[in-house]
Amino acid sequence: MKVFTDLNELIKRLNAERKLLHALFQARLRYDFSYEEATGLVDNEKNLHLLIDYGVIRQEGDLIELEETYQHFFEEVLRLNEDITSSTVEENLQSLKENIDFYLKERTHPEGQGKYVRKIMRSLRNISTQASTKTIELKRVINDTFRQERNYEIKRTKLENYLATIGSISSLIRQTERLLEERRETMEVLTTDDRITRLILDVKIQFKDVFHSLIELERTIRDYLNQIDAHNRLVKHIRKLKYLKDQLTWERTTNVREILENCSNLALETTTYYTTRVSLSFLRNSDEAIEIIEDARKAISRFKALKNTPAIPLKESELNTKCIVEDFVDTDSVAKAFFASSQDLYTFVINYPYVQPQQKERRVEYYLEIVQNHYDKLHITDDWHRDGNVEYPLIYNLP
């Protein structure tokens, strides 16, 4: 297979055959784009063979498709990638570790250190950007899978795989935060200005937003899985009942007759109203019609009187616009945020940004409640610290 050795040549060739590439990209999920159909989108068949020879498109029999490298590039740029992986983030994390080590080894060469500082900053940006982008893509494909995938077994498997991806992204972000904490002294002396400090602060803020999004996505997936399980149970019951009905044994082996007898479907139907028109001869020639007309006139008068009656003005106390804010803290949400961090539990709970200001005594109560409710997920060390009159052990989430 030939390889493009000049970037200008590659760009020129892609631009010349943009109609074909656009059609192939749109048909990437159909796998039915024919060679004959492709010849109608190029100026001559020689250009089509050039794309095949240079590995831009692949031919298999009478069908052709975009090579994975180009398809993946277009999907990444357009954020249409259906394959959610965390490999790119992991590669950047490994690159960040290596560049920090290389920086320390270049202590006697300031120019070399400057090069690795730039690489470290690039790795940090790439990690935060990739984590955020993958989370956005994950949200889209989760909703698309639940709404469009018709096979419930495939749908459930894909959603479970997305749960594993959420765990991978969370783990990688925790590793990055742990690395920044462990190498904090090194990171603080990388440059004489505050570029690294501002970048690390921005990355941590972005990580926090990503964690909240991942928690919400996990909750969404579990809700979707519960809906799938409920639907599957219903389908199994219906299939079993149909089988018993076909075998003419459902009345004897089930309580379907009793359920149907107690079912009042008419109560769910809309009420139908029928109007009866009175003849004009009856209204003109009957004494009973005069009484009916008089009753109707009184009813209409009462209705008009009620309609014209002004509403009772609101009291001064009812016009009070102050709202009551309930001071409630969901410790389970605080615990989920802690499991996505690298701090010890006491420091995390004390410094957690609560919606309403909390006294230190209340924060200590939240700390004890989390320990009690999530004991099996915590690693309690023998190292004790003191905060004023509070003595506590260092507690981390299990690795």
Protein backbone atom coordinates (compact mmCIF):
# COMPACT_ATOMS: atom_id res chain seq x y z
CA MET A 1 0.00 0.00 0.00
CA LYS A 2 1.27 3.44 -0.92
CA VAL A 3 1.76 6.16 1.71
CA PHE A 4 1.36 9.93 1.35
CA THR A 5 4.77 11.53 1.95
CA ASP A 6 3.61 15.13 1.45
CA LEU A 7 0.87 16.79 3.50
CA ASN A 8 -0.05 19.12 0.62
CA GLU A 9 -0.56 16.12 -1.65
CA LEU A 10 -2.82 14.44 0.94
CA ILE A 11 -4.96 17.57 1.43
CA LYS A 12 -5.20 18.12 -2.32
CA ARG A 13 -6.34 14.52 -2.94
CA LEU A 14 -8.94 14.59 -0.15
CA ASN A 15 -10.31 17.91 -1.39
CA ALA A 16 -10.53 16.65 -5.01
CA GLU A 17 -12.61 13.61 -4.00
CA ARG A 18 -14.66 15.30 -1.24
CA LYS A 19 -18.00 14.22 -2.79
CA LEU A 20 -17.05 10.55 -2.57
CA LEU A 21 -15.61 10.89 0.95
CA HIS A 22 -18.74 12.72 2.11
CA ALA A 23 -20.98 9.97 0.71
CA LEU A 24 -18.84 7.21 2.22
CA PHE A 25 -18.86 8.89 5.63
CA GLN A 26 -22.64 9.24 5.60
CA ALA A 27 -22.97 5.55 4.68
CA ARG A 28 -20.40 4.35 7.25
CA LEU A 29 -23.00 2.49 9.33
CA ARG A 30 -24.76 0.82 6.38
CA TYR A 31 -21.83 -1.20 4.97
CA ASP A 32 -23.53 -1.36 1.56
CA PHE A 33 -21.74 1.29 -0.52
CA SER A 34 -21.04 -0.31 -3.91
CA TYR A 35 -18.04 0.21 -6.18
CA GLU A 36 -20.36 1.13 -9.05
CA GLU A 37 -22.01 3.82 -6.91
CA ALA A 38 -18.58 5.26 -6.08
CA THR A 39 -17.55 5.57 -9.75
CA GLY A 40 -20.39 8.04 -10.28
CA LEU A 41 -18.93 10.38 -7.63
CA VAL A 42 -15.39 10.70 -9.08
CA ASP A 43 -14.17 12.31 -12.29
CA ASN A 44 -12.58 9.09 -13.50
CA GLU A 45 -12.04 5.57 -12.22
CA LYS A 46 -8.29 6.18 -11.92
CA ASN A 47 -8.90 8.59 -9.00
CA LEU A 48 -10.90 5.90 -7.22
CA HIS A 49 -8.05 3.41 -7.59
CA LEU A 50 -5.61 6.02 -6.25
CA LEU A 51 -7.66 6.35 -3.04
CA ILE A 52 -7.66 2.56 -2.69
CA ASP A 53 -3.91 2.31 -3.33
CA TYR A 54 -3.13 5.02 -0.76
CA GLY A 55 -5.37 3.38 1.88
CA VAL A 56 -7.98 6.15 2.09
CA ILE A 57 -10.77 3.70 1.23
CA ARG A 58 -10.94 -0.09 1.38
CA GLN A 59 -12.45 -2.37 -1.25
CA GLU A 60 -13.92 -5.76 -0.36
CA GLY A 61 -15.49 -7.43 -3.36
CA ASP A 62 -18.09 -5.10 -4.88
CA LEU A 63 -18.32 -2.97 -1.70
CA ILE A 64 -16.08 -0.13 -0.51
CA GLU A 65 -15.81 1.81 2.75
CA LEU A 66 -13.62 4.41 4.45
CA GLU A 67 -10.48 3.17 6.11
CA GLU A 68 -10.76 3.20 9.92
CA THR A 69 -8.03 5.83 10.32
CA TYR A 70 -9.88 8.43 8.25
CA GLN A 71 -13.31 7.46 9.59
CA HIS A 72 -12.08 7.75 13.17
CA PHE A 73 -10.50 11.14 12.40
CA PHE A 74 -13.74 12.53 10.93
CA GLU A 75 -15.80 11.15 13.83
CA GLU A 76 -13.45 12.63 16.43
CA VAL A 77 -13.43 16.07 14.78
CA LEU A 78 -17.22 16.09 14.35
CA ARG A 79 -17.76 14.42 17.77
CA LEU A 80 -19.72 11.58 16.24
CA ASN A 81 -17.63 8.73 17.59
CA GLU A 82 -19.84 5.83 18.73
CA ASP A 83 -16.92 3.90 20.25
CA ILE A 84 -16.31 5.35 23.71
CA THR A 85 -12.86 4.47 25.07
CA SER A 86 -10.54 5.99 27.65
CA SER A 87 -7.28 4.92 25.97
CA THR A 88 -6.45 8.44 24.79
CA VAL A 89 -6.82 9.85 28.30
CA GLU A 90 -4.70 7.04 29.70
CA GLU A 91 -1.96 7.72 27.13
CA ASN A 92 -1.91 11.39 28.14
CA LEU A 93 -1.68 10.40 31.81
CA GLN A 94 1.33 8.19 31.06
CA SER A 95 2.86 11.02 29.03
CA LEU A 96 2.33 13.41 31.97
CA LYS A 97 4.17 11.05 34.36
CA GLU A 98 7.05 10.57 31.95
CA ASN A 99 7.47 14.29 31.22
CA ILE A 100 7.57 15.12 34.94
CA ASP A 101 10.29 12.49 35.42
CA PHE A 102 12.19 13.82 32.37
CA TYR A 103 11.94 17.36 33.77
CA LEU A 104 13.58 16.25 37.02
CA LYS A 105 16.38 14.53 35.10
CA GLU A 106 17.12 17.74 33.14
CA ARG A 107 18.06 19.81 36.21
CA THR A 108 21.37 20.88 34.69
CA HIS A 109 19.82 21.93 31.35
CA PRO A 110 17.28 24.79 31.71
CA GLU A 111 16.46 24.70 28.00
CA GLY A 112 15.56 21.01 28.21
CA GLN A 113 13.44 21.67 31.29
CA GLY A 114 11.50 24.37 29.42
CA LYS A 115 10.67 21.88 26.68
CA TYR A 116 9.27 19.39 29.18
CA VAL A 117 7.30 22.12 30.97
CA ARG A 118 5.47 22.81 27.71
CA LYS A 119 4.86 19.09 27.25
CA ILE A 120 3.51 18.80 30.81
CA MET A 121 1.08 21.67 30.22
CA ARG A 122 -0.03 20.11 26.93
CA SER A 123 -0.65 16.74 28.63
CA LEU A 124 -2.74 18.38 31.36
CA ARG A 125 -4.86 20.20 28.79
CA ASN A 126 -5.29 17.02 26.75
CA ILE A 127 -6.37 14.98 29.78
CA SER A 128 -9.03 17.49 30.86
CA THR A 129 -10.25 18.06 27.30
CA GLN A 130 -10.42 14.35 26.50
CA ALA A 131 -12.24 13.53 29.76
CA SER A 132 -14.80 16.28 29.12
CA THR A 133 -15.25 15.32 25.45
CA LYS A 134 -15.65 11.62 26.21
CA THR A 135 -18.26 12.44 28.86
CA ILE A 136 -20.29 14.50 26.38
CA GLU A 137 -20.05 11.73 23.77
CA LEU A 138 -21.03 9.17 26.41
CA LYS A 139 -24.20 11.08 27.28
CA ARG A 140 -25.24 11.16 23.61
CA VAL A 141 -24.64 7.48 22.87
CA ILE A 142 -26.35 6.38 26.12
CA ASN A 143 -29.56 8.15 25.12
CA ASP A 144 -29.28 6.96 21.49
CA THR A 145 -28.74 3.36 22.60
CA PHE A 146 -31.75 3.34 24.93
CA ARG A 147 -34.07 4.94 22.36
CA GLN A 148 -32.93 3.33 19.11
CA GLU A 149 -31.56 -0.13 19.92
CA ARG A 150 -34.44 -2.58 19.46
CA ASN A 151 -32.75 -5.73 20.78
CA TYR A 152 -33.06 -5.60 24.57
CA GLU A 153 -30.14 -7.96 25.22
CA ILE A 154 -27.80 -5.86 23.05
CA LYS A 155 -29.18 -2.67 24.63
CA ARG A 156 -28.50 -3.96 28.14
CA THR A 157 -24.97 -5.12 27.24
CA LYS A 158 -24.09 -1.74 25.70
CA LEU A 159 -25.40 0.16 28.74
CA GLU A 160 -23.37 -2.07 31.08
CA ASN A 161 -20.28 -1.38 28.94
CA TYR A 162 -20.95 2.35 29.29
CA LEU A 163 -21.01 1.88 33.08
CA ALA A 164 -17.54 0.35 32.83
CA THR A 165 -16.40 3.31 30.71
CA ILE A 166 -17.67 5.73 33.36
CA GLY A 167 -15.63 3.85 35.94
CA SER A 168 -12.53 4.01 33.72
CA ILE A 169 -12.81 7.76 33.17
CA SER A 170 -13.40 8.33 36.90
CA SER A 171 -10.38 6.19 37.78
CA LEU A 172 -8.13 8.03 35.35
CA ILE A 173 -9.17 11.41 36.71
CA ARG A 174 -8.52 10.22 40.26
CA GLN A 175 -5.08 9.02 39.19
CA THR A 176 -4.37 12.43 37.64
CA GLU A 177 -5.47 14.24 40.81
CA ARG A 178 -3.38 11.87 42.92
CA LEU A 179 -0.36 12.45 40.67
CA LEU A 180 -0.76 16.23 40.93
CA GLU A 181 -1.01 15.93 44.71
CA GLU A 182 2.06 13.69 44.95
CA ARG A 183 4.12 15.93 42.64
CA ARG A 184 2.77 19.19 44.02
CA GLU A 185 6.18 20.49 45.08
CA THR A 186 7.62 19.71 41.65
CA MET A 187 4.71 21.35 39.84
CA GLU A 188 5.02 24.53 41.91
CA VAL A 189 8.61 25.16 40.77
CA LEU A 190 8.18 24.30 37.08
CA THR A 191 7.99 27.95 35.99
CA THR A 192 8.63 31.33 37.55
CA ASP A 193 5.18 32.61 36.56
CA ASP A 194 1.76 31.28 37.59
CA ARG A 195 0.85 29.52 34.33
CA ILE A 196 1.08 26.04 35.82
CA THR A 197 -0.86 27.08 38.94
CA ARG A 198 -3.69 28.59 36.90
CA LEU A 199 -3.74 25.58 34.55
CA ILE A 200 -3.91 23.08 37.43
CA LEU A 201 -6.74 25.08 39.01
CA ASP A 202 -8.67 25.11 35.72
CA VAL A 203 -8.10 21.36 35.28
CA LYS A 204 -9.39 20.59 38.79
CA ILE A 205 -12.51 22.71 38.21
CA GLN A 206 -13.14 20.88 34.92
CA PHE A 207 -12.59 17.54 36.66
CA LYS A 208 -15.22 18.48 39.24
CA ASP A 209 -17.77 19.25 36.51
CA VAL A 210 -16.94 15.98 34.76
CA PHE A 211 -17.44 14.01 37.99
CA HIS A 212 -20.88 15.49 38.53
CA SER A 213 -21.77 14.63 34.92
CA LEU A 214 -20.49 11.07 35.36
CA ILE A 215 -22.56 10.61 38.53
CA GLU A 216 -25.66 11.79 36.67
CA LEU A 217 -24.87 9.49 33.72
CA GLU A 218 -24.47 6.51 36.05
CA ARG A 219 -27.84 7.29 37.61
CA THR A 220 -29.39 7.53 34.12
CA ILE A 221 -27.93 4.20 33.00
CA ARG A 222 -29.15 2.40 36.12
CA ASP A 223 -32.62 3.85 35.58
CA TYR A 224 -32.55 2.63 31.97
CA LEU A 225 -31.42 -0.83 33.11
CA ASN A 226 -34.29 -0.99 35.62
CA GLN A 227 -36.74 -0.08 32.86
CA ILE A 228 -35.31 -2.81 30.63
CA ASP A 229 -35.59 -5.39 33.42
CA ALA A 230 -39.20 -4.37 34.13
CA HIS A 231 -40.06 -4.64 30.44
CA ASN A 232 -38.40 -8.07 30.17
CA ARG A 233 -40.33 -9.35 33.17
CA LEU A 234 -43.57 -8.13 31.64
CA VAL A 235 -42.76 -9.74 28.28
CA LYS A 236 -41.96 -13.06 29.99
CA HIS A 237 -45.29 -12.98 31.86
CA ILE A 238 -47.19 -12.19 28.65
CA ARG A 239 -45.43 -14.96 26.71
CA LYS A 240 -46.12 -17.47 29.47
CA LEU A 241 -49.78 -16.45 29.62
CA LYS A 242 -50.08 -16.71 25.83
CA TYR A 243 -48.53 -20.18 25.92
CA LEU A 244 -51.02 -21.30 28.57
CA LYS A 245 -53.87 -19.78 26.55
CA ASP A 246 -52.77 -21.64 23.42
CA GLN A 247 -52.69 -24.85 25.46
CA LEU A 248 -56.23 -24.09 26.76
CA THR A 249 -55.01 -24.34 30.35
CA TRP A 250 -54.76 -20.69 31.42
CA GLU A 251 -58.15 -20.63 33.21
CA ARG A 252 -57.22 -23.68 35.28
CA THR A 253 -53.59 -22.87 36.03
CA THR A 254 -53.85 -19.10 36.57
CA ASN A 255 -56.18 -16.60 38.23
CA VAL A 256 -56.79 -14.69 34.99
CA ARG A 257 -60.58 -15.11 35.24
CA GLU A 258 -60.64 -13.66 38.74
CA ILE A 259 -58.50 -10.69 37.67
CA LEU A 260 -60.64 -9.97 34.61
CA GLU A 261 -63.83 -10.17 36.67
CA ASN A 262 -62.49 -7.57 39.10
CA CYS A 263 -61.22 -5.32 36.31
CA SER A 264 -63.39 -2.21 35.76
CA ASN A 265 -62.20 -0.94 32.42
CA LEU A 266 -65.30 1.26 31.98
CA ALA A 267 -64.04 3.49 34.77
CA LEU A 268 -61.12 4.45 32.55
CA GLU A 269 -63.25 5.41 29.56
CA THR A 270 -64.26 9.00 28.89
CA THR A 271 -67.81 10.01 29.79
CA THR A 272 -70.06 10.52 26.79
CA TYR A 273 -72.66 13.29 26.98
CA TYR A 274 -75.81 13.28 24.81
CA THR A 275 -77.85 16.40 24.08
CA THR A 276 -81.63 16.29 23.58
CA ARG A 277 -83.23 19.17 21.72
CA VAL A 278 -86.74 20.22 22.79
CA SER A 279 -89.27 20.84 19.99
CA LEU A 280 -90.52 24.40 19.45
CA SER A 281 -94.18 23.27 19.53
CA PHE A 282 -93.67 21.90 23.05
CA LEU A 283 -92.14 25.18 24.24
CA ARG A 284 -95.00 27.24 22.75
CA ASN A 285 -98.04 25.13 23.74
CA SER A 286 -97.16 23.47 27.09
CA ASP A 287 -97.43 24.90 30.62
CA GLU A 288 -94.56 22.63 31.74
CA ALA A 289 -92.31 24.32 29.18
CA ILE A 290 -92.83 27.69 30.93
CA GLU A 291 -91.48 26.28 34.20
CA ILE A 292 -88.49 24.72 32.41
CA ILE A 293 -87.67 28.02 30.69
CA GLU A 294 -87.92 29.87 34.02
CA ASP A 295 -85.52 27.40 35.70
CA ALA A 296 -83.08 27.77 32.83
CA ARG A 297 -83.23 31.56 33.05
CA LYS A 298 -82.48 31.47 36.80
CA ALA A 299 -79.54 29.09 36.27
CA ILE A 300 -78.08 31.36 33.60
CA SER A 301 -78.50 34.40 35.90
CA ARG A 302 -76.72 32.66 38.76
CA PHE A 303 -73.87 31.70 36.45
CA LYS A 304 -73.47 35.27 35.25
CA ALA A 305 -73.57 36.58 38.82
CA LEU A 306 -70.80 34.18 39.89
CA LYS A 307 -68.76 35.07 36.84
CA ASN A 308 -68.95 38.81 37.57
CA THR A 309 -68.18 38.49 41.30
CA PRO A 310 -64.71 39.96 41.97
CA ALA A 311 -62.13 37.71 43.57
CA ILE A 312 -61.29 38.19 47.24
CA PRO A 313 -58.10 40.27 47.51
CA LEU A 314 -54.99 38.55 48.87
CA LYS A 315 -53.90 39.29 52.41
CA GLU A 316 -50.66 41.05 53.19
CA SER A 317 -49.19 37.83 54.62
CA GLU A 318 -50.02 35.97 51.40
CA LEU A 319 -48.05 38.52 49.36
CA ASN A 320 -44.85 37.67 51.22
CA THR A 321 -42.31 36.54 48.60
CA LYS A 322 -39.84 34.99 51.06
CA CYS A 323 -39.20 31.31 50.37
CA ILE A 324 -38.32 28.66 52.90
CA VAL A 325 -35.06 26.87 52.17
CA GLU A 326 -34.83 23.43 53.71
CA ASP A 327 -31.40 22.82 55.19
CA PHE A 328 -30.95 19.23 54.05
CA VAL A 329 -27.68 17.56 53.03
CA ASP A 330 -27.72 14.32 51.04
CA THR A 331 -24.73 12.49 52.51
CA ASP A 332 -24.93 9.83 49.78
CA SER A 333 -24.21 12.51 47.15
CA VAL A 334 -21.31 13.80 49.27
CA ALA A 335 -20.00 10.23 49.52
CA LYS A 336 -20.18 9.75 45.73
CA ALA A 337 -18.20 12.94 45.23
CA PHE A 338 -15.64 11.74 47.81
CA PHE A 339 -15.17 8.40 46.00
CA ALA A 340 -14.26 10.42 42.91
CA SER A 341 -11.55 12.37 44.77
CA SER A 342 -8.15 11.57 46.21
CA GLN A 343 -8.47 13.39 49.58
CA ASP A 344 -9.05 11.83 52.98
CA LEU A 345 -12.68 11.69 54.07
CA TYR A 346 -12.50 14.18 56.96
CA THR A 347 -10.76 16.90 54.92
CA PHE A 348 -13.15 16.34 52.03
CA VAL A 349 -16.31 16.60 54.17
CA ILE A 350 -15.05 19.65 56.08
CA ASN A 351 -14.14 21.53 52.86
CA TYR A 352 -17.07 20.31 50.76
CA PRO A 353 -18.99 23.23 49.06
CA TYR A 354 -22.42 22.80 50.66
CA VAL A 355 -25.36 24.74 49.23
CA GLN A 356 -26.16 26.22 52.63
CA PRO A 357 -23.46 27.19 55.18
CA GLN A 358 -22.88 24.36 57.68
CA GLN A 359 -21.46 24.51 61.18
CA LYS A 360 -18.36 22.42 61.88
CA GLU A 361 -20.36 20.19 64.26
CA ARG A 362 -22.83 19.39 61.46
CA ARG A 363 -19.98 18.59 59.06
CA VAL A 364 -18.50 16.18 61.61
CA GLU A 365 -21.93 14.51 61.84
CA TYR A 366 -21.95 14.08 58.04
CA TYR A 367 -18.46 12.56 58.30
CA LEU A 368 -19.66 9.99 60.85
CA GLU A 369 -22.80 9.23 58.84
CA ILE A 370 -20.75 8.51 55.69
CA VAL A 371 -18.44 6.20 57.65
CA GLN A 372 -21.44 4.32 59.04
CA ASN A 373 -23.31 3.99 55.71
CA HIS A 374 -20.31 3.24 53.47
CA TYR A 375 -18.00 1.35 55.82
CA ASP A 376 -17.30 -1.47 53.33
CA LYS A 377 -16.05 0.97 50.68
CA LEU A 378 -13.57 2.82 52.93
CA HIS A 379 -9.94 2.19 53.85
CA ILE A 380 -9.47 3.24 57.50
CA THR A 381 -5.81 3.76 58.35
CA ASP A 382 -4.05 3.78 61.74
CA ASP A 383 -2.85 7.36 61.20
CA TRP A 384 -4.77 9.78 63.49
CA HIS A 385 -4.90 13.57 63.15
CA ARG A 386 -6.43 16.32 65.27
CA ASP A 387 -8.57 19.28 64.18
CA GLY A 388 -9.17 21.45 67.24
CA ASN A 389 -11.12 19.27 69.66
CA VAL A 390 -11.83 16.63 67.00
CA GLU A 391 -9.49 13.66 66.67
CA TYR A 392 -10.04 11.51 63.58
CA PRO A 393 -8.33 8.71 61.60
CA LEU A 394 -7.27 9.21 57.98
CA ILE A 395 -9.84 7.45 55.80
CA TYR A 396 -9.54 6.96 52.04
CA ASN A 397 -11.65 5.19 49.45
CA LEU A 398 -10.58 1.64 48.63
CA PRO A 399 -8.08 1.47 45.73
